[in-house]
Amino acid sequence: MVELRPVIFLGPSLDINEAISILDADYKPPVKRGDLLQIPQEVEVVGIVDGLMLTDAAVGHREILSLLDRGVSVFGGGSMGALRAAELADMGMVGVGRIFEEYSSGRVEGDDEVVLSFDPFTQAALSEPLINLRLNLIDACERGIITPSDVCALIRELKKEFYPWRSYEKLFYIANNILLNKDAQVLEEHLRKNKIDFKRNDAILLINAVKAVIEKN
């Protein structure tokens, strides 16, 4: 039996050219219900980063379990992959990255945390996922820039926003309305210079994890 390249479902979390520079894999667009059933039997490693959730039916647990049952190594991280990996870690799915850890620990629960709007043709992100905003606010709190109560207040307001409208500009607007002017200004300056794209980082971690398995075999 010929082993095929690993299959990785990737979208707005990471530019496809950067992904290819890390690992020569069979990259597919964000996963949706039924896609995993189309993966050839010869494939031994699958990675899930991005997935559809609102515009199409989300990838089902049974699809992932069917891959695991036939001995396929399934990795998840960054977005939909992190969510499913947290739910199926006990069944053998391997979670990778900070966002997976947030879901796995229970610190983050909502599916909408990883949802964003993106261009279906270029896969470019058109909004900012709440999880990125949340984790950057937590980082700012740990640096003493804002307080824990500030973080809670800002996230509470961001959650009220429909996901396509979530962005750093929206966050700055909200901060200017609920924080002291000086605190809002310091937060904005910090985030413009130091914000971290956690979804991108986790996508890279997942691809490297898949690469390590391939090289080991």
C-alpha atoms as a PDB file:
ATOM      1  CA  MET A   1       0.000   0.000   0.000  1.00  0.00           C
ATOM      2  CA  VAL A   2       1.346   3.411  -1.017  1.00  0.00           C
ATOM      3  CA  GLU A   3       1.248   6.050   1.712  1.00  0.00           C
ATOM      4  CA  LEU A   4      -0.087   9.375   0.465  1.00  0.00           C
ATOM      5  CA  ARG A   5       0.911  12.833   1.641  1.00  0.00           C
ATOM      6  CA  PRO A   6      -0.751  14.004   4.850  1.00  0.00           C
ATOM      7  CA  VAL A   7      -4.016  15.866   4.371  1.00  0.00           C
ATOM      8  CA  ILE A   8      -4.327  19.228   6.147  1.00  0.00           C
ATOM      9  CA  PHE A   9      -7.462  21.365   6.163  1.00  0.00           C
ATOM     10  CA  LEU A  10      -6.345  24.979   6.190  1.00  0.00           C
ATOM     11  CA  GLY A  11      -7.947  28.349   5.507  1.00  0.00           C
ATOM     12  CA  PRO A  12      -7.589  31.856   6.921  1.00  0.00           C
ATOM     13  CA  SER A  13      -5.437  30.856   9.900  1.00  0.00           C
ATOM     14  CA  LEU A  14      -2.264  30.643   7.800  1.00  0.00           C
ATOM     15  CA  ASP A  15      -1.229  31.633   4.292  1.00  0.00           C
ATOM     16  CA  ILE A  16      -1.038  28.545   2.099  1.00  0.00           C
ATOM     17  CA  ASN A  17       2.394  29.471   0.725  1.00  0.00           C
ATOM     18  CA  GLU A  18       3.839  29.665   4.221  1.00  0.00           C
ATOM     19  CA  ALA A  19       2.276  26.312   5.030  1.00  0.00           C
ATOM     20  CA  ILE A  20       3.808  24.721   1.937  1.00  0.00           C
ATOM     21  CA  SER A  21       7.223  26.113   2.903  1.00  0.00           C
ATOM     22  CA  ILE A  22       6.978  24.145   6.151  1.00  0.00           C
ATOM     23  CA  LEU A  23       5.575  20.877   4.816  1.00  0.00           C
ATOM     24  CA  ASP A  24       4.663  19.441   1.435  1.00  0.00           C
ATOM     25  CA  ALA A  25       1.175  18.202   2.245  1.00  0.00           C
ATOM     26  CA  ASP A  26      -2.176  17.869   0.502  1.00  0.00           C
ATOM     27  CA  TYR A  27      -3.707  21.145   1.667  1.00  0.00           C
ATOM     28  CA  LYS A  28      -7.467  21.439   1.419  1.00  0.00           C
ATOM     29  CA  PRO A  29      -9.846  24.321   2.221  1.00  0.00           C
ATOM     30  CA  PRO A  30     -11.632  24.549   5.585  1.00  0.00           C
ATOM     31  CA  VAL A  31     -13.224  21.227   6.463  1.00  0.00           C
ATOM     32  CA  LYS A  32     -16.981  20.730   6.431  1.00  0.00           C
ATOM     33  CA  ARG A  33     -19.330  17.831   7.127  1.00  0.00           C
ATOM     34  CA  GLY A  34     -18.528  14.888   4.871  1.00  0.00           C
ATOM     35  CA  ASP A  35     -15.025  15.934   3.792  1.00  0.00           C
ATOM     36  CA  LEU A  36     -13.222  13.440   6.016  1.00  0.00           C
ATOM     37  CA  LEU A  37     -15.209  10.603   4.459  1.00  0.00           C
ATOM     38  CA  GLN A  38     -13.569  11.433   1.114  1.00  0.00           C
ATOM     39  CA  ILE A  39     -10.003  10.967   2.358  1.00  0.00           C
ATOM     40  CA  PRO A  40      -8.294   8.011   0.622  1.00  0.00           C
ATOM     41  CA  GLN A  41      -7.644   4.916   2.699  1.00  0.00           C
ATOM     42  CA  GLU A  42      -3.901   5.236   2.068  1.00  0.00           C
ATOM     43  CA  VAL A  43      -3.636   8.517   3.992  1.00  0.00           C
ATOM     44  CA  GLU A  44      -2.137   7.955   7.436  1.00  0.00           C
ATOM     45  CA  VAL A  45      -2.006  11.487   8.883  1.00  0.00           C
ATOM     46  CA  VAL A  46      -4.670  14.210   8.853  1.00  0.00           C
ATOM     47  CA  GLY A  47      -4.481  17.719  10.295  1.00  0.00           C
ATOM     48  CA  ILE A  48      -7.470  19.970  10.925  1.00  0.00           C
ATOM     49  CA  VAL A  49      -6.891  23.682  11.411  1.00  0.00           C
ATOM     50  CA  ASP A  50      -9.803  25.532   9.837  1.00  0.00           C
ATOM     51  CA  GLY A  51     -13.369  24.389   9.349  1.00  0.00           C
ATOM     52  CA  LEU A  52     -16.730  25.727   8.294  1.00  0.00           C
ATOM     53  CA  MET A  53     -19.341  26.084  10.991  1.00  0.00           C
ATOM     54  CA  LEU A  54     -22.077  28.551  10.071  1.00  0.00           C
ATOM     55  CA  THR A  55     -22.166  28.551   6.269  1.00  0.00           C
ATOM     56  CA  ASP A  56     -22.057  24.722   6.089  1.00  0.00           C
ATOM     57  CA  ALA A  57     -22.553  21.867   8.515  1.00  0.00           C
ATOM     58  CA  ALA A  58     -19.496  21.488  10.737  1.00  0.00           C
ATOM     59  CA  VAL A  59     -17.309  18.399  10.544  1.00  0.00           C
ATOM     60  CA  GLY A  60     -18.862  15.690  12.697  1.00  0.00           C
ATOM     61  CA  HIS A  61     -17.332  13.789  15.578  1.00  0.00           C
ATOM     62  CA  ARG A  62     -18.166  10.460  13.931  1.00  0.00           C
ATOM     63  CA  GLU A  63     -16.135  11.369  10.857  1.00  0.00           C
ATOM     64  CA  ILE A  64     -13.074  11.998  12.992  1.00  0.00           C
ATOM     65  CA  LEU A  65     -13.672   8.862  15.029  1.00  0.00           C
ATOM     66  CA  SER A  66     -13.900   6.818  11.829  1.00  0.00           C
ATOM     67  CA  LEU A  67     -10.411   7.997  10.878  1.00  0.00           C
ATOM     68  CA  LEU A  68      -9.069   7.200  14.332  1.00  0.00           C
ATOM     69  CA  ASP A  69     -10.683   3.760  14.216  1.00  0.00           C
ATOM     70  CA  ARG A  70      -8.781   2.872  11.063  1.00  0.00           C
ATOM     71  CA  GLY A  71      -5.477   3.982  12.578  1.00  0.00           C
ATOM     72  CA  VAL A  72      -5.130   7.441  11.073  1.00  0.00           C
ATOM     73  CA  SER A  73      -3.280   9.995  13.209  1.00  0.00           C
ATOM     74  CA  VAL A  74      -5.550  13.042  13.465  1.00  0.00           C
ATOM     75  CA  PHE A  75      -4.206  16.395  14.687  1.00  0.00           C
ATOM     76  CA  GLY A  76      -6.257  19.456  15.537  1.00  0.00           C
ATOM     77  CA  GLY A  77      -5.328  23.014  16.411  1.00  0.00           C
ATOM     78  CA  GLY A  78      -5.798  26.683  15.682  1.00  0.00           C
ATOM     79  CA  SER A  79      -9.516  26.863  15.001  1.00  0.00           C
ATOM     80  CA  MET A  80     -12.147  24.176  14.374  1.00  0.00           C
ATOM     81  CA  GLY A  81      -9.336  21.663  14.816  1.00  0.00           C
ATOM     82  CA  ALA A  82      -8.658  22.915  18.344  1.00  0.00           C
ATOM     83  CA  LEU A  83     -12.336  22.694  19.242  1.00  0.00           C
ATOM     84  CA  ARG A  84     -12.745  19.126  17.972  1.00  0.00           C
ATOM     85  CA  ALA A  85      -9.424  18.012  19.472  1.00  0.00           C
ATOM     86  CA  ALA A  86     -10.521  19.220  22.906  1.00  0.00           C
ATOM     87  CA  GLU A  87     -13.757  17.257  22.541  1.00  0.00           C
ATOM     88  CA  LEU A  88     -12.090  14.084  21.248  1.00  0.00           C
ATOM     89  CA  ALA A  89      -8.735  14.051  23.044  1.00  0.00           C
ATOM     90  CA  ASP A  90      -9.812  11.061  25.128  1.00  0.00           C
ATOM     91  CA  MET A  91     -10.608   9.201  21.907  1.00  0.00           C
ATOM     92  CA  GLY A  92      -7.146   9.712  20.436  1.00  0.00           C
ATOM     93  CA  MET A  93      -7.274  12.993  18.528  1.00  0.00           C
ATOM     94  CA  VAL A  94      -4.107  14.992  19.164  1.00  0.00           C
ATOM     95  CA  GLY A  95      -4.551  18.635  20.135  1.00  0.00           C
ATOM     96  CA  VAL A  96      -1.866  21.216  19.411  1.00  0.00           C
ATOM     97  CA  GLY A  97      -1.365  24.809  20.523  1.00  0.00           C
ATOM     98  CA  ARG A  98      -2.616  27.495  22.873  1.00  0.00           C
ATOM     99  CA  ILE A  99      -6.188  27.595  21.585  1.00  0.00           C
ATOM    100  CA  PHE A 100      -6.543  23.844  22.045  1.00  0.00           C
ATOM    101  CA  GLU A 101      -5.281  24.266  25.606  1.00  0.00           C
ATOM    102  CA  GLU A 102      -7.867  26.985  26.265  1.00  0.00           C
ATOM    103  CA  TYR A 103     -10.702  24.726  25.123  1.00  0.00           C
ATOM    104  CA  SER A 104      -9.294  21.612  26.766  1.00  0.00           C
ATOM    105  CA  SER A 105      -8.948  23.349  30.133  1.00  0.00           C
ATOM    106  CA  GLY A 106     -12.469  24.742  29.982  1.00  0.00           C
ATOM    107  CA  ARG A 107     -11.252  28.332  30.187  1.00  0.00           C
ATOM    108  CA  VAL A 108     -12.910  28.897  26.818  1.00  0.00           C
ATOM    109  CA  GLU A 109     -16.117  27.158  25.807  1.00  0.00           C
ATOM    110  CA  GLY A 110     -17.988  28.944  23.026  1.00  0.00           C
ATOM    111  CA  ASP A 111     -17.715  27.725  19.443  1.00  0.00           C
ATOM    112  CA  ASP A 112     -17.995  31.346  18.324  1.00  0.00           C
ATOM    113  CA  GLU A 113     -14.561  32.105  19.797  1.00  0.00           C
ATOM    114  CA  VAL A 114     -12.839  30.789  16.662  1.00  0.00           C
ATOM    115  CA  VAL A 115     -15.378  31.920  14.067  1.00  0.00           C
ATOM    116  CA  LEU A 116     -14.425  34.669  11.637  1.00  0.00           C
ATOM    117  CA  SER A 117     -15.444  36.029   8.272  1.00  0.00           C
ATOM    118  CA  PHE A 118     -13.121  35.271   5.354  1.00  0.00           C
ATOM    119  CA  ASP A 119     -12.909  35.577   1.588  1.00  0.00           C
ATOM    120  CA  PRO A 120     -13.977  32.208   0.111  1.00  0.00           C
ATOM    121  CA  PHE A 121     -11.675  32.669  -2.883  1.00  0.00           C
ATOM    122  CA  THR A 122      -8.447  33.909  -1.284  1.00  0.00           C
ATOM    123  CA  GLN A 123      -9.102  32.491   2.216  1.00  0.00           C
ATOM    124  CA  ALA A 124      -7.992  35.859   3.644  1.00  0.00           C
ATOM    125  CA  ALA A 125      -9.485  36.765   7.018  1.00  0.00           C
ATOM    126  CA  LEU A 126     -11.971  39.658   6.951  1.00  0.00           C
ATOM    127  CA  SER A 127     -12.583  39.843  10.698  1.00  0.00           C
ATOM    128  CA  GLU A 128     -10.752  38.941  13.894  1.00  0.00           C
ATOM    129  CA  PRO A 129     -11.699  35.815  15.854  1.00  0.00           C
ATOM    130  CA  LEU A 130     -12.739  36.454  19.426  1.00  0.00           C
ATOM    131  CA  ILE A 131     -10.133  33.996  20.720  1.00  0.00           C
ATOM    132  CA  ASN A 132      -7.310  36.181  19.351  1.00  0.00           C
ATOM    133  CA  LEU A 133      -8.818  39.280  20.930  1.00  0.00           C
ATOM    134  CA  ARG A 134      -9.406  37.473  24.212  1.00  0.00           C
ATOM    135  CA  LEU A 135      -5.898  36.046  24.534  1.00  0.00           C
ATOM    136  CA  ASN A 136      -4.284  39.357  23.634  1.00  0.00           C
ATOM    137  CA  LEU A 137      -6.373  41.116  26.280  1.00  0.00           C
ATOM    138  CA  ILE A 138      -5.300  38.511  28.828  1.00  0.00           C
ATOM    139  CA  ASP A 139      -1.689  39.094  27.807  1.00  0.00           C
ATOM    140  CA  ALA A 140      -2.168  42.855  28.258  1.00  0.00           C
ATOM    141  CA  CYS A 141      -3.626  42.200  31.701  1.00  0.00           C
ATOM    142  CA  GLU A 142      -0.652  40.038  32.672  1.00  0.00           C
ATOM    143  CA  ARG A 143       1.611  42.913  31.621  1.00  0.00           C
ATOM    144  CA  GLY A 144      -0.297  45.268  33.917  1.00  0.00           C
ATOM    145  CA  ILE A 145      -1.754  47.355  31.106  1.00  0.00           C
ATOM    146  CA  ILE A 146      -5.390  46.651  32.010  1.00  0.00           C
ATOM    147  CA  THR A 147      -7.110  44.970  34.956  1.00  0.00           C
ATOM    148  CA  PRO A 148      -8.905  41.595  35.067  1.00  0.00           C
ATOM    149  CA  SER A 149     -12.220  43.433  35.355  1.00  0.00           C
ATOM    150  CA  ASP A 150     -11.305  45.434  32.239  1.00  0.00           C
ATOM    151  CA  VAL A 151     -10.686  42.181  30.368  1.00  0.00           C
ATOM    152  CA  CYS A 152     -14.070  40.797  31.407  1.00  0.00           C
ATOM    153  CA  ALA A 153     -15.868  43.994  30.433  1.00  0.00           C
ATOM    154  CA  LEU A 154     -14.198  44.207  27.025  1.00  0.00           C
ATOM    155  CA  ILE A 155     -14.816  40.558  26.194  1.00  0.00           C
ATOM    156  CA  ARG A 156     -18.429  40.843  27.316  1.00  0.00           C
ATOM    157  CA  GLU A 157     -18.954  43.686  24.842  1.00  0.00           C
ATOM    158  CA  LEU A 158     -17.060  41.921  22.052  1.00  0.00           C
ATOM    159  CA  LYS A 159     -19.258  38.846  22.443  1.00  0.00           C
ATOM    160  CA  LYS A 160     -22.289  41.020  21.711  1.00  0.00           C
ATOM    161  CA  GLU A 161     -20.864  41.855  18.298  1.00  0.00           C
ATOM    162  CA  PHE A 162     -21.850  39.681  15.331  1.00  0.00           C
ATOM    163  CA  TYR A 163     -18.691  37.769  14.401  1.00  0.00           C
ATOM    164  CA  PRO A 164     -18.051  39.502  11.020  1.00  0.00           C
ATOM    165  CA  TRP A 165     -17.783  42.829  12.844  1.00  0.00           C
ATOM    166  CA  ARG A 166     -15.227  41.748  15.430  1.00  0.00           C
ATOM    167  CA  SER A 167     -11.878  43.448  14.862  1.00  0.00           C
ATOM    168  CA  TYR A 168      -9.135  45.313  16.663  1.00  0.00           C
ATOM    169  CA  GLU A 169     -10.684  48.587  15.507  1.00  0.00           C
ATOM    170  CA  LYS A 170     -13.968  47.539  17.112  1.00  0.00           C
ATOM    171  CA  LEU A 171     -12.073  46.598  20.276  1.00  0.00           C
ATOM    172  CA  PHE A 172     -10.402  50.021  20.384  1.00  0.00           C
ATOM    173  CA  TYR A 173     -13.781  51.711  19.914  1.00  0.00           C
ATOM    174  CA  ILE A 174     -15.271  49.700  22.782  1.00  0.00           C
ATOM    175  CA  ALA A 175     -12.254  50.383  25.001  1.00  0.00           C
ATOM    176  CA  ASN A 176     -12.598  54.118  24.431  1.00  0.00           C
ATOM    177  CA  ASN A 177     -16.187  53.901  25.641  1.00  0.00           C
ATOM    178  CA  ILE A 178     -15.724  51.828  28.790  1.00  0.00           C
ATOM    179  CA  LEU A 179     -12.133  52.440  29.944  1.00  0.00           C
ATOM    180  CA  LEU A 180     -10.468  55.594  31.144  1.00  0.00           C
ATOM    181  CA  ASN A 181      -9.077  57.517  28.170  1.00  0.00           C
ATOM    182  CA  LYS A 182      -5.481  56.978  29.257  1.00  0.00           C
ATOM    183  CA  ASP A 183      -5.973  53.233  29.770  1.00  0.00           C
ATOM    184  CA  ALA A 184      -7.691  52.852  26.411  1.00  0.00           C
ATOM    185  CA  GLN A 185      -4.865  54.705  24.675  1.00  0.00           C
ATOM    186  CA  VAL A 186      -2.150  52.620  26.339  1.00  0.00           C
ATOM    187  CA  LEU A 187      -4.012  49.407  25.454  1.00  0.00           C
ATOM    188  CA  GLU A 188      -4.366  50.441  21.821  1.00  0.00           C
ATOM    189  CA  GLU A 189      -0.693  51.384  21.537  1.00  0.00           C
ATOM    190  CA  HIS A 190       0.312  48.069  23.084  1.00  0.00           C
ATOM    191  CA  LEU A 191      -1.889  45.952  20.821  1.00  0.00           C
ATOM    192  CA  ARG A 192      -0.916  47.766  17.638  1.00  0.00           C
ATOM    193  CA  LYS A 193       2.723  46.964  18.365  1.00  0.00           C
ATOM    194  CA  ASN A 194       2.529  43.634  20.151  1.00  0.00           C
ATOM    195  CA  LYS A 195      -0.647  41.763  19.234  1.00  0.00           C
ATOM    196  CA  ILE A 196      -0.185  38.049  18.648  1.00  0.00           C
ATOM    197  CA  ASP A 197      -2.005  35.993  16.015  1.00  0.00           C
ATOM    198  CA  PHE A 198      -2.608  32.887  18.103  1.00  0.00           C
ATOM    199  CA  LYS A 199      -4.506  31.082  15.354  1.00  0.00           C
ATOM    200  CA  ARG A 200      -1.590  31.538  12.961  1.00  0.00           C
ATOM    201  CA  ASN A 201       0.923  30.397  15.568  1.00  0.00           C
ATOM    202  CA  ASP A 202      -1.122  27.297  16.349  1.00  0.00           C
ATOM    203  CA  ALA A 203      -1.523  26.457  12.660  1.00  0.00           C
ATOM    204  CA  ILE A 204       2.264  26.491  12.326  1.00  0.00           C
ATOM    205  CA  LEU A 205       2.592  24.295  15.412  1.00  0.00           C
ATOM    206  CA  LEU A 206       0.141  21.798  13.946  1.00  0.00           C
ATOM    207  CA  ILE A 207       1.925  21.600  10.612  1.00  0.00           C
ATOM    208  CA  ASN A 208       5.234  21.073  12.393  1.00  0.00           C
ATOM    209  CA  ALA A 209       3.640  18.359  14.548  1.00  0.00           C
ATOM    210  CA  VAL A 210       2.437  16.573  11.419  1.00  0.00           C
ATOM    211  CA  LYS A 211       5.873  17.026   9.867  1.00  0.00           C
ATOM    212  CA  ALA A 212       7.528  15.454  12.918  1.00  0.00           C
ATOM    213  CA  VAL A 213       5.304  12.378  12.639  1.00  0.00           C
ATOM    214  CA  ILE A 214       6.017  12.027   8.922  1.00  0.00           C
ATOM    215  CA  GLU A 215       9.771  12.327   9.418  1.00  0.00           C
ATOM    216  CA  LYS A 216       9.702   9.865  12.304  1.00  0.00           C
ATOM    217  CA  ASN A 217       7.976   7.281  10.144  1.00  0.00           C
END
